[in-house]
Amino acid sequence: MARWIAAAQVADVPAGTCRELVVAERIVALFCVDGEFFALDGVCPHQGGPLGQGDLEGCVVTCPWHGWQFDVRTGQHQVHPNLVQPRLAVRIDGGTVYVDVGD
């Protein structure tokens, strides 16, 4: 079941940037690519690096700890096709970014 939680204001995440947030006790990486918002589980599966503190180039985030890269739109790892970082649904309402953290 959906559980929408306010995560940020649209103005707080300009295009081409990312933010690390704690949403309902979960670390979330929030990205804005060309005005569209995406969210991934914020903990890199390699060694727990902070994806929301990584470098965002286009639609690819690079984990700042060891360089693992993910497409923020799909969660797809850029080298290992079987590795997909969990995505969270995002919606915008009245200038607020909401993330679905599930049950």
C-alpha atoms as a PDB file:
ATOM      1  CA  MET A   1       0.000   0.000   0.000  1.00  0.00           C
ATOM      2  CA  ALA A   2       1.253   3.510  -0.836  1.00  0.00           C
ATOM      3  CA  ARG A   3       2.492   5.703   1.986  1.00  0.00           C
ATOM      4  CA  TRP A   4       3.249   9.164   0.612  1.00  0.00           C
ATOM      5  CA  ILE A   5       5.542  11.288   2.789  1.00  0.00           C
ATOM      6  CA  ALA A   6       6.616  14.881   2.106  1.00  0.00           C
ATOM      7  CA  ALA A   7      10.347  14.701   1.411  1.00  0.00           C
ATOM      8  CA  ALA A   8      11.404  18.126   0.113  1.00  0.00           C
ATOM      9  CA  GLN A   9      10.311  21.257  -1.658  1.00  0.00           C
ATOM     10  CA  VAL A  10      10.770  21.343  -5.427  1.00  0.00           C
ATOM     11  CA  ALA A  11      12.888  24.497  -5.074  1.00  0.00           C
ATOM     12  CA  ASP A  12      15.296  22.678  -2.733  1.00  0.00           C
ATOM     13  CA  VAL A  13      16.404  20.245  -5.455  1.00  0.00           C
ATOM     14  CA  PRO A  14      17.315  22.168  -8.624  1.00  0.00           C
ATOM     15  CA  ALA A  15      17.685  20.360 -11.950  1.00  0.00           C
ATOM     16  CA  GLY A  16      20.916  18.371 -12.144  1.00  0.00           C
ATOM     17  CA  THR A  17      21.259  17.912  -8.384  1.00  0.00           C
ATOM     18  CA  CYS A  18      20.630  15.290  -5.757  1.00  0.00           C
ATOM     19  CA  ARG A  19      19.910  15.285  -2.045  1.00  0.00           C
ATOM     20  CA  GLU A  20      20.209  12.756   0.729  1.00  0.00           C
ATOM     21  CA  LEU A  21      17.087  12.721   2.881  1.00  0.00           C
ATOM     22  CA  VAL A  22      15.652  10.728   5.733  1.00  0.00           C
ATOM     23  CA  VAL A  23      12.025   9.961   4.953  1.00  0.00           C
ATOM     24  CA  ALA A  24      10.069   7.933   7.518  1.00  0.00           C
ATOM     25  CA  GLU A  25      13.326   6.640   9.018  1.00  0.00           C
ATOM     26  CA  ARG A  26      14.587   5.529   5.591  1.00  0.00           C
ATOM     27  CA  ILE A  27      17.592   7.025   3.777  1.00  0.00           C
ATOM     28  CA  VAL A  28      16.437   8.241   0.378  1.00  0.00           C
ATOM     29  CA  ALA A  29      18.418   9.702  -2.512  1.00  0.00           C
ATOM     30  CA  LEU A  30      16.300  12.276  -4.363  1.00  0.00           C
ATOM     31  CA  PHE A  31      17.315  13.428  -7.848  1.00  0.00           C
ATOM     32  CA  CYS A  32      16.095  16.077 -10.276  1.00  0.00           C
ATOM     33  CA  VAL A  33      16.877  15.362 -13.934  1.00  0.00           C
ATOM     34  CA  ASP A  34      15.637  17.991 -16.394  1.00  0.00           C
ATOM     35  CA  GLY A  35      12.893  19.002 -13.949  1.00  0.00           C
ATOM     36  CA  GLU A  36      11.707  15.433 -13.332  1.00  0.00           C
ATOM     37  CA  PHE A  37      12.149  13.861  -9.885  1.00  0.00           C
ATOM     38  CA  PHE A  38      13.361  10.346  -9.092  1.00  0.00           C
ATOM     39  CA  ALA A  39      14.135   8.585  -5.818  1.00  0.00           C
ATOM     40  CA  LEU A  40      16.284   5.577  -4.995  1.00  0.00           C
ATOM     41  CA  ASP A  41      17.119   3.791  -1.790  1.00  0.00           C
ATOM     42  CA  GLY A  42      19.915   6.047  -0.581  1.00  0.00           C
ATOM     43  CA  VAL A  43      22.304   3.312   0.572  1.00  0.00           C
ATOM     44  CA  CYS A  44      24.653   1.981  -2.100  1.00  0.00           C
ATOM     45  CA  PRO A  45      24.584  -1.842  -2.140  1.00  0.00           C
ATOM     46  CA  HIS A  46      28.367  -2.052  -2.466  1.00  0.00           C
ATOM     47  CA  GLN A  47      29.459  -0.877   0.978  1.00  0.00           C
ATOM     48  CA  GLY A  48      26.681   1.399   2.173  1.00  0.00           C
ATOM     49  CA  GLY A  49      27.835   4.610   0.546  1.00  0.00           C
ATOM     50  CA  PRO A  50      25.512   7.645   0.447  1.00  0.00           C
ATOM     51  CA  LEU A  51      24.044   7.799  -3.077  1.00  0.00           C
ATOM     52  CA  GLY A  52      22.307  11.104  -2.318  1.00  0.00           C
ATOM     53  CA  GLN A  53      25.713  12.687  -1.781  1.00  0.00           C
ATOM     54  CA  GLY A  54      27.051  11.396  -5.097  1.00  0.00           C
ATOM     55  CA  ASP A  55      27.735  13.192  -8.354  1.00  0.00           C
ATOM     56  CA  LEU A  56      24.801  13.366 -10.763  1.00  0.00           C
ATOM     57  CA  GLU A  57      25.680  13.636 -14.449  1.00  0.00           C
ATOM     58  CA  GLY A  58      22.645  13.495 -16.688  1.00  0.00           C
ATOM     59  CA  CYS A  59      20.647  10.595 -15.295  1.00  0.00           C
ATOM     60  CA  VAL A  60      23.573   8.692 -13.744  1.00  0.00           C
ATOM     61  CA  VAL A  61      24.613   9.032 -10.113  1.00  0.00           C
ATOM     62  CA  THR A  62      28.085   7.988  -8.989  1.00  0.00           C
ATOM     63  CA  CYS A  63      28.453   6.823  -5.394  1.00  0.00           C
ATOM     64  CA  PRO A  64      31.062   9.019  -3.684  1.00  0.00           C
ATOM     65  CA  TRP A  65      32.685   6.118  -1.834  1.00  0.00           C
ATOM     66  CA  HIS A  66      33.689   3.666  -4.550  1.00  0.00           C
ATOM     67  CA  GLY A  67      32.298   4.941  -7.833  1.00  0.00           C
ATOM     68  CA  TRP A  68      29.387   2.567  -8.401  1.00  0.00           C
ATOM     69  CA  GLN A  69      27.012   4.131 -10.927  1.00  0.00           C
ATOM     70  CA  PHE A  70      23.239   3.853 -11.263  1.00  0.00           C
ATOM     71  CA  ASP A  71      20.664   5.259 -13.664  1.00  0.00           C
ATOM     72  CA  VAL A  72      18.429   7.241 -11.291  1.00  0.00           C
ATOM     73  CA  ARG A  73      15.385   6.732 -13.542  1.00  0.00           C
ATOM     74  CA  THR A  74      15.489   2.938 -13.349  1.00  0.00           C
ATOM     75  CA  GLY A  75      17.936   2.048 -10.567  1.00  0.00           C
ATOM     76  CA  GLN A  76      19.956   0.020 -13.102  1.00  0.00           C
ATOM     77  CA  HIS A  77      23.659  -0.421 -12.276  1.00  0.00           C
ATOM     78  CA  GLN A  78      25.758   0.791 -15.201  1.00  0.00           C
ATOM     79  CA  VAL A  79      28.068  -2.267 -15.379  1.00  0.00           C
ATOM     80  CA  HIS A  80      26.155  -5.176 -13.836  1.00  0.00           C
ATOM     81  CA  PRO A  81      22.730  -5.477 -15.545  1.00  0.00           C
ATOM     82  CA  ASN A  82      21.367  -7.836 -12.883  1.00  0.00           C
ATOM     83  CA  LEU A  83      21.890  -5.254 -10.132  1.00  0.00           C
ATOM     84  CA  VAL A  84      19.042  -2.775  -9.692  1.00  0.00           C
ATOM     85  CA  GLN A  85      18.887  -0.278  -6.841  1.00  0.00           C
ATOM     86  CA  PRO A  86      15.371  -0.101  -5.329  1.00  0.00           C
ATOM     87  CA  ARG A  87      13.298   2.816  -6.636  1.00  0.00           C
ATOM     88  CA  LEU A  88      10.650   4.775  -4.802  1.00  0.00           C
ATOM     89  CA  ALA A  89       7.696   6.414  -6.516  1.00  0.00           C
ATOM     90  CA  VAL A  90       7.689  10.222  -6.516  1.00  0.00           C
ATOM     91  CA  ARG A  91       4.910  12.739  -7.022  1.00  0.00           C
ATOM     92  CA  ILE A  92       4.750  16.527  -6.915  1.00  0.00           C
ATOM     93  CA  ASP A  93       1.876  18.396  -5.315  1.00  0.00           C
ATOM     94  CA  GLY A  94       1.826  22.139  -4.757  1.00  0.00           C
ATOM     95  CA  GLY A  95       5.614  22.551  -4.837  1.00  0.00           C
ATOM     96  CA  THR A  96       6.229  19.653  -2.458  1.00  0.00           C
ATOM     97  CA  VAL A  97       7.980  16.436  -3.454  1.00  0.00           C
ATOM     98  CA  TYR A  98       6.352  13.333  -1.973  1.00  0.00           C
ATOM     99  CA  VAL A  99       8.009   9.908  -1.854  1.00  0.00           C
ATOM    100  CA  ASP A 100       6.132   6.631  -1.477  1.00  0.00           C
ATOM    101  CA  VAL A 101       7.897   4.696   1.305  1.00  0.00           C
ATOM    102  CA  GLY A 102       5.365   1.847   1.185  1.00  0.00           C
ATOM    103  CA  ASP A 103       4.087   0.061   4.269  1.00  0.00           C
END
